[in-house]
Amino acid sequence: MHKIRIILIVAALLGLALVADSGRFLIVDEPAKSDVIMVLAGDTDLRPARSLGLLRQGYAPRIILNVPADAKVFGWSEPELARKYVDGLPEAQSISICSIHGLSTKAEARDASLCLTQAGAKSVLLVTSDFHTRRALSTFKKEVPEYVYSVAATFNADEFGAQWWRHREWAKVNVDEWMRLSWWELIDRWR
């Protein structure tokens, strides 16, 4: 009986350690020199800013900005707004816009493959939110396997942190991303 109690305590402590480290596991921030930087659709502030920093550091000679094609903001389509944003940048000639119709990372990867083909890229540096990096990298590798991928994370302390238990919002994002990652790894990637 004493051995069983010790085994249960050790198992509980190991389980607690894994849960506590679950936020850190989601984050992959390992940018590598590539033919193109692809900014995944979603955040329109930190992701583009990180991609510009990576471009300026020489990680790639150009950026592809994925933008939802069907979304509108105050009467403007998101690709129109993205074009206005890009045109105001000194690096505008190095940035193209890729219209994305799918709403999932899997659908985005499929939509983005045409833009990658048009760019003539062989290696791609993905830029996305920190909590989304592991799933995005796995999804692109599976859905569009003809490219070599690396990933760079953007960090937004209002949205997520590796020590997810410190803030309610971080905890919600951690649980949500773990559900999405689990669904992807266990079900969606095999379809």
C-alpha atoms as a PDB file:
ATOM      1  CA  MET A   1       0.000   0.000   0.000  1.00  0.00           C
ATOM      2  CA  HIS A   2       2.877   2.354   0.829  1.00  0.00           C
ATOM      3  CA  LYS A   3       4.505   1.765  -2.607  1.00  0.00           C
ATOM      4  CA  ILE A   4       1.249   2.534  -4.406  1.00  0.00           C
ATOM      5  CA  ARG A   5       0.907   5.808  -2.509  1.00  0.00           C
ATOM      6  CA  ILE A   6       4.478   6.813  -3.461  1.00  0.00           C
ATOM      7  CA  ILE A   7       3.859   5.890  -7.108  1.00  0.00           C
ATOM      8  CA  LEU A   8       0.655   7.960  -7.135  1.00  0.00           C
ATOM      9  CA  ILE A   9       2.404  10.958  -5.563  1.00  0.00           C
ATOM     10  CA  VAL A  10       5.287  10.771  -8.059  1.00  0.00           C
ATOM     11  CA  ALA A  11       2.821  10.402 -10.964  1.00  0.00           C
ATOM     12  CA  ALA A  12       0.819  13.384  -9.695  1.00  0.00           C
ATOM     13  CA  LEU A  13       3.964  15.517  -9.386  1.00  0.00           C
ATOM     14  CA  LEU A  14       5.105  14.537 -12.888  1.00  0.00           C
ATOM     15  CA  GLY A  15       1.643  15.306 -14.241  1.00  0.00           C
ATOM     16  CA  LEU A  16       1.647  18.682 -12.512  1.00  0.00           C
ATOM     17  CA  ALA A  17       5.091  19.490 -13.922  1.00  0.00           C
ATOM     18  CA  LEU A  18       3.916  18.598 -17.452  1.00  0.00           C
ATOM     19  CA  VAL A  19       0.798  20.729 -17.120  1.00  0.00           C
ATOM     20  CA  ALA A  20       2.815  23.644 -15.725  1.00  0.00           C
ATOM     21  CA  ASP A  21       5.222  23.428 -18.682  1.00  0.00           C
ATOM     22  CA  SER A  22       2.456  23.011 -21.285  1.00  0.00           C
ATOM     23  CA  GLY A  23       2.583  26.679 -22.320  1.00  0.00           C
ATOM     24  CA  ARG A  24       6.310  26.555 -22.998  1.00  0.00           C
ATOM     25  CA  PHE A  25       5.834  23.421 -25.130  1.00  0.00           C
ATOM     26  CA  LEU A  26       3.518  25.305 -27.505  1.00  0.00           C
ATOM     27  CA  ILE A  27       6.186  27.902 -28.321  1.00  0.00           C
ATOM     28  CA  VAL A  28       8.759  27.302 -31.062  1.00  0.00           C
ATOM     29  CA  ASP A  29      10.884  30.351 -31.867  1.00  0.00           C
ATOM     30  CA  GLU A  30      13.634  29.136 -34.179  1.00  0.00           C
ATOM     31  CA  PRO A  31      13.847  31.407 -37.238  1.00  0.00           C
ATOM     32  CA  ALA A  32      16.235  30.311 -39.980  1.00  0.00           C
ATOM     33  CA  LYS A  33      17.409  32.027 -43.157  1.00  0.00           C
ATOM     34  CA  SER A  34      14.847  31.295 -45.852  1.00  0.00           C
ATOM     35  CA  ASP A  35      13.748  32.263 -49.348  1.00  0.00           C
ATOM     36  CA  VAL A  36      10.636  33.981 -48.022  1.00  0.00           C
ATOM     37  CA  ILE A  37       9.008  35.063 -44.762  1.00  0.00           C
ATOM     38  CA  MET A  38       5.312  34.155 -44.589  1.00  0.00           C
ATOM     39  CA  VAL A  39       3.188  36.057 -42.063  1.00  0.00           C
ATOM     40  CA  LEU A  40       0.188  33.954 -41.103  1.00  0.00           C
ATOM     41  CA  ALA A  41      -3.246  35.561 -41.076  1.00  0.00           C
ATOM     42  CA  GLY A  42      -4.569  36.756 -37.740  1.00  0.00           C
ATOM     43  CA  ASP A  43      -2.717  39.403 -35.796  1.00  0.00           C
ATOM     44  CA  THR A  44      -2.173  42.527 -37.907  1.00  0.00           C
ATOM     45  CA  ASP A  45       0.269  44.315 -35.617  1.00  0.00           C
ATOM     46  CA  LEU A  46       2.948  42.140 -34.021  1.00  0.00           C
ATOM     47  CA  ARG A  47       3.253  39.533 -36.780  1.00  0.00           C
ATOM     48  CA  PRO A  48       3.930  42.061 -39.567  1.00  0.00           C
ATOM     49  CA  ALA A  49       6.289  43.994 -37.275  1.00  0.00           C
ATOM     50  CA  ARG A  50       8.280  40.839 -36.455  1.00  0.00           C
ATOM     51  CA  SER A  51       8.448  39.921 -40.140  1.00  0.00           C
ATOM     52  CA  LEU A  52       9.827  43.360 -41.004  1.00  0.00           C
ATOM     53  CA  GLY A  53      12.479  42.956 -38.308  1.00  0.00           C
ATOM     54  CA  LEU A  54      13.432  39.558 -39.710  1.00  0.00           C
ATOM     55  CA  LEU A  55      13.563  40.996 -43.244  1.00  0.00           C
ATOM     56  CA  ARG A  56      15.850  43.804 -42.068  1.00  0.00           C
ATOM     57  CA  GLN A  57      18.079  41.249 -40.295  1.00  0.00           C
ATOM     58  CA  GLY A  58      18.488  39.365 -43.572  1.00  0.00           C
ATOM     59  CA  TYR A  59      16.484  36.235 -42.767  1.00  0.00           C
ATOM     60  CA  ALA A  60      14.833  36.432 -46.212  1.00  0.00           C
ATOM     61  CA  PRO A  61      14.686  38.876 -49.125  1.00  0.00           C
ATOM     62  CA  ARG A  62      10.893  39.119 -49.195  1.00  0.00           C
ATOM     63  CA  ILE A  63       7.708  38.796 -47.165  1.00  0.00           C
ATOM     64  CA  ILE A  64       4.370  37.227 -48.066  1.00  0.00           C
ATOM     65  CA  LEU A  65       1.578  38.625 -45.927  1.00  0.00           C
ATOM     66  CA  ASN A  66      -1.393  36.241 -45.631  1.00  0.00           C
ATOM     67  CA  VAL A  67      -4.642  38.205 -45.437  1.00  0.00           C
ATOM     68  CA  PRO A  68      -8.240  36.925 -45.164  1.00  0.00           C
ATOM     69  CA  ALA A  69      -9.799  37.669 -48.555  1.00  0.00           C
ATOM     70  CA  ASP A  70     -13.423  37.715 -47.460  1.00  0.00           C
ATOM     71  CA  ALA A  71     -13.235  39.832 -44.289  1.00  0.00           C
ATOM     72  CA  LYS A  72     -14.233  43.492 -44.199  1.00  0.00           C
ATOM     73  CA  VAL A  73     -13.403  46.238 -41.713  1.00  0.00           C
ATOM     74  CA  PHE A  74     -15.570  49.368 -41.884  1.00  0.00           C
ATOM     75  CA  GLY A  75     -16.346  48.721 -45.542  1.00  0.00           C
ATOM     76  CA  TRP A  76     -12.763  47.953 -46.583  1.00  0.00           C
ATOM     77  CA  SER A  77     -11.625  44.465 -47.472  1.00  0.00           C
ATOM     78  CA  GLU A  78      -8.662  43.254 -45.449  1.00  0.00           C
ATOM     79  CA  PRO A  79      -6.516  42.880 -48.597  1.00  0.00           C
ATOM     80  CA  GLU A  80      -7.237  46.557 -49.422  1.00  0.00           C
ATOM     81  CA  LEU A  81      -6.217  47.602 -45.920  1.00  0.00           C
ATOM     82  CA  ALA A  82      -3.123  45.407 -46.118  1.00  0.00           C
ATOM     83  CA  ARG A  83      -2.159  46.999 -49.450  1.00  0.00           C
ATOM     84  CA  LYS A  84      -2.461  50.490 -47.918  1.00  0.00           C
ATOM     85  CA  TYR A  85      -0.284  49.361 -44.997  1.00  0.00           C
ATOM     86  CA  VAL A  86       2.348  47.795 -47.266  1.00  0.00           C
ATOM     87  CA  ASP A  87       2.432  50.764 -49.655  1.00  0.00           C
ATOM     88  CA  GLY A  88       3.393  53.004 -46.726  1.00  0.00           C
ATOM     89  CA  LEU A  89       6.466  50.928 -45.859  1.00  0.00           C
ATOM     90  CA  PRO A  90       9.981  51.551 -47.204  1.00  0.00           C
ATOM     91  CA  GLU A  91      10.194  47.779 -47.883  1.00  0.00           C
ATOM     92  CA  ALA A  92       6.962  47.742 -49.948  1.00  0.00           C
ATOM     93  CA  GLN A  93       8.690  46.317 -53.039  1.00  0.00           C
ATOM     94  CA  SER A  94       9.730  43.275 -50.976  1.00  0.00           C
ATOM     95  CA  ILE A  95       6.239  42.501 -49.660  1.00  0.00           C
ATOM     96  CA  SER A  96       3.394  40.727 -51.423  1.00  0.00           C
ATOM     97  CA  ILE A  97      -0.120  39.983 -50.216  1.00  0.00           C
ATOM     98  CA  CYS A  98      -1.553  36.484 -50.347  1.00  0.00           C
ATOM     99  CA  SER A  99      -5.341  36.316 -50.154  1.00  0.00           C
ATOM    100  CA  ILE A 100      -6.490  33.491 -47.888  1.00  0.00           C
ATOM    101  CA  HIS A 101     -10.035  32.094 -47.995  1.00  0.00           C
ATOM    102  CA  GLY A 102      -9.789  29.284 -45.430  1.00  0.00           C
ATOM    103  CA  LEU A 103     -10.466  29.896 -41.764  1.00  0.00           C
ATOM    104  CA  SER A 104      -8.235  27.184 -40.288  1.00  0.00           C
ATOM    105  CA  THR A 105      -4.466  26.830 -40.254  1.00  0.00           C
ATOM    106  CA  LYS A 106      -4.855  23.747 -42.462  1.00  0.00           C
ATOM    107  CA  ALA A 107      -6.909  25.686 -45.024  1.00  0.00           C
ATOM    108  CA  GLU A 108      -4.499  28.625 -44.818  1.00  0.00           C
ATOM    109  CA  ALA A 109      -1.569  26.334 -45.609  1.00  0.00           C
ATOM    110  CA  ARG A 110      -3.363  25.041 -48.685  1.00  0.00           C
ATOM    111  CA  ASP A 111      -4.328  28.559 -49.817  1.00  0.00           C
ATOM    112  CA  ALA A 112      -0.805  29.866 -49.207  1.00  0.00           C
ATOM    113  CA  SER A 113       0.819  27.127 -51.305  1.00  0.00           C
ATOM    114  CA  LEU A 114      -0.118  28.973 -54.508  1.00  0.00           C
ATOM    115  CA  CYS A 115       1.597  32.150 -53.266  1.00  0.00           C
ATOM    116  CA  LEU A 116       4.694  30.155 -52.288  1.00  0.00           C
ATOM    117  CA  THR A 117       4.791  28.553 -55.730  1.00  0.00           C
ATOM    118  CA  GLN A 118       4.483  31.976 -57.392  1.00  0.00           C
ATOM    119  CA  ALA A 119       7.343  33.254 -55.213  1.00  0.00           C
ATOM    120  CA  GLY A 120       9.569  30.382 -56.335  1.00  0.00           C
ATOM    121  CA  ALA A 121      10.456  29.672 -52.708  1.00  0.00           C
ATOM    122  CA  LYS A 122      12.048  26.482 -51.451  1.00  0.00           C
ATOM    123  CA  SER A 123      12.347  27.504 -47.786  1.00  0.00           C
ATOM    124  CA  VAL A 124       9.809  29.408 -45.716  1.00  0.00           C
ATOM    125  CA  LEU A 125      10.071  31.236 -42.407  1.00  0.00           C
ATOM    126  CA  LEU A 126       6.591  31.285 -40.837  1.00  0.00           C
ATOM    127  CA  VAL A 127       5.712  34.149 -38.474  1.00  0.00           C
ATOM    128  CA  THR A 128       2.807  33.675 -36.088  1.00  0.00           C
ATOM    129  CA  SER A 129       1.750  34.135 -32.460  1.00  0.00           C
ATOM    130  CA  ASP A 130       3.908  32.306 -29.907  1.00  0.00           C
ATOM    131  CA  PHE A 131       1.189  29.894 -28.768  1.00  0.00           C
ATOM    132  CA  HIS A 132       0.373  29.002 -32.406  1.00  0.00           C
ATOM    133  CA  THR A 133       3.925  28.238 -33.593  1.00  0.00           C
ATOM    134  CA  ARG A 134       4.100  24.484 -32.888  1.00  0.00           C
ATOM    135  CA  ARG A 135       0.750  23.722 -34.544  1.00  0.00           C
ATOM    136  CA  ALA A 136       1.383  26.061 -37.486  1.00  0.00           C
ATOM    137  CA  LEU A 137       4.789  24.504 -38.176  1.00  0.00           C
ATOM    138  CA  SER A 138       3.354  20.975 -37.990  1.00  0.00           C
ATOM    139  CA  THR A 139       0.396  21.900 -40.201  1.00  0.00           C
ATOM    140  CA  PHE A 140       2.446  23.551 -42.947  1.00  0.00           C
ATOM    141  CA  LYS A 141       4.948  20.667 -42.981  1.00  0.00           C
ATOM    142  CA  LYS A 142       2.110  18.169 -43.429  1.00  0.00           C
ATOM    143  CA  GLU A 143      -0.122  20.123 -45.811  1.00  0.00           C
ATOM    144  CA  VAL A 144       2.554  21.677 -48.046  1.00  0.00           C
ATOM    145  CA  PRO A 145       5.539  19.336 -47.605  1.00  0.00           C
ATOM    146  CA  GLU A 146       7.558  20.506 -50.596  1.00  0.00           C
ATOM    147  CA  TYR A 147       9.109  23.366 -48.605  1.00  0.00           C
ATOM    148  CA  VAL A 148      11.592  23.553 -45.752  1.00  0.00           C
ATOM    149  CA  TYR A 149      10.071  25.452 -42.823  1.00  0.00           C
ATOM    150  CA  SER A 150      11.220  27.328 -39.770  1.00  0.00           C
ATOM    151  CA  VAL A 151       9.131  29.499 -37.479  1.00  0.00           C
ATOM    152  CA  ALA A 152       9.419  32.785 -35.581  1.00  0.00           C
ATOM    153  CA  ALA A 153       7.125  33.660 -32.693  1.00  0.00           C
ATOM    154  CA  THR A 154       5.552  36.961 -31.813  1.00  0.00           C
ATOM    155  CA  PHE A 155       4.983  37.630 -28.140  1.00  0.00           C
ATOM    156  CA  ASN A 156       1.985  39.533 -26.792  1.00  0.00           C
ATOM    157  CA  ALA A 157       1.802  39.605 -22.976  1.00  0.00           C
ATOM    158  CA  ASP A 158      -1.855  40.673 -23.159  1.00  0.00           C
ATOM    159  CA  GLU A 159      -2.681  37.445 -24.990  1.00  0.00           C
ATOM    160  CA  PHE A 160      -0.397  34.656 -23.775  1.00  0.00           C
ATOM    161  CA  GLY A 161       2.603  33.728 -21.691  1.00  0.00           C
ATOM    162  CA  ALA A 162       4.444  30.444 -21.169  1.00  0.00           C
ATOM    163  CA  GLN A 163       3.579  30.647 -17.458  1.00  0.00           C
ATOM    164  CA  TRP A 164      -0.078  30.426 -18.413  1.00  0.00           C
ATOM    165  CA  TRP A 165      -1.373  30.002 -14.852  1.00  0.00           C
ATOM    166  CA  ARG A 166      -0.434  33.615 -13.968  1.00  0.00           C
ATOM    167  CA  HIS A 167      -3.281  35.242 -15.942  1.00  0.00           C
ATOM    168  CA  ARG A 168      -6.801  34.150 -16.758  1.00  0.00           C
ATOM    169  CA  GLU A 169      -6.498  35.089 -20.441  1.00  0.00           C
ATOM    170  CA  TRP A 170      -3.250  33.134 -20.784  1.00  0.00           C
ATOM    171  CA  ALA A 171      -4.914  30.085 -19.245  1.00  0.00           C
ATOM    172  CA  LYS A 172      -7.824  30.294 -21.695  1.00  0.00           C
ATOM    173  CA  VAL A 173      -5.456  30.600 -24.667  1.00  0.00           C
ATOM    174  CA  ASN A 174      -3.356  27.695 -23.379  1.00  0.00           C
ATOM    175  CA  VAL A 175      -6.376  25.399 -23.042  1.00  0.00           C
ATOM    176  CA  ASP A 176      -7.778  26.484 -26.419  1.00  0.00           C
ATOM    177  CA  GLU A 177      -4.474  25.953 -28.228  1.00  0.00           C
ATOM    178  CA  TRP A 178      -3.951  22.563 -26.584  1.00  0.00           C
ATOM    179  CA  MET A 179      -7.424  21.505 -27.790  1.00  0.00           C
ATOM    180  CA  ARG A 180      -6.580  22.679 -31.327  1.00  0.00           C
ATOM    181  CA  LEU A 181      -3.149  21.038 -31.272  1.00  0.00           C
ATOM    182  CA  SER A 182      -4.634  17.781 -29.978  1.00  0.00           C
ATOM    183  CA  TRP A 183      -7.372  17.835 -32.616  1.00  0.00           C
ATOM    184  CA  TRP A 184      -4.768  18.480 -35.309  1.00  0.00           C
ATOM    185  CA  GLU A 185      -2.354  15.766 -34.143  1.00  0.00           C
ATOM    186  CA  LEU A 186      -4.951  13.104 -33.382  1.00  0.00           C
ATOM    187  CA  ILE A 187      -7.580  13.652 -36.080  1.00  0.00           C
ATOM    188  CA  ASP A 188      -7.187  16.407 -38.659  1.00  0.00           C
ATOM    189  CA  ARG A 189      -3.664  15.623 -39.864  1.00  0.00           C
ATOM    190  CA  TRP A 190      -4.776  12.102 -40.846  1.00  0.00           C
ATOM    191  CA  ARG A 191      -7.663  13.217 -43.061  1.00  0.00           C
END
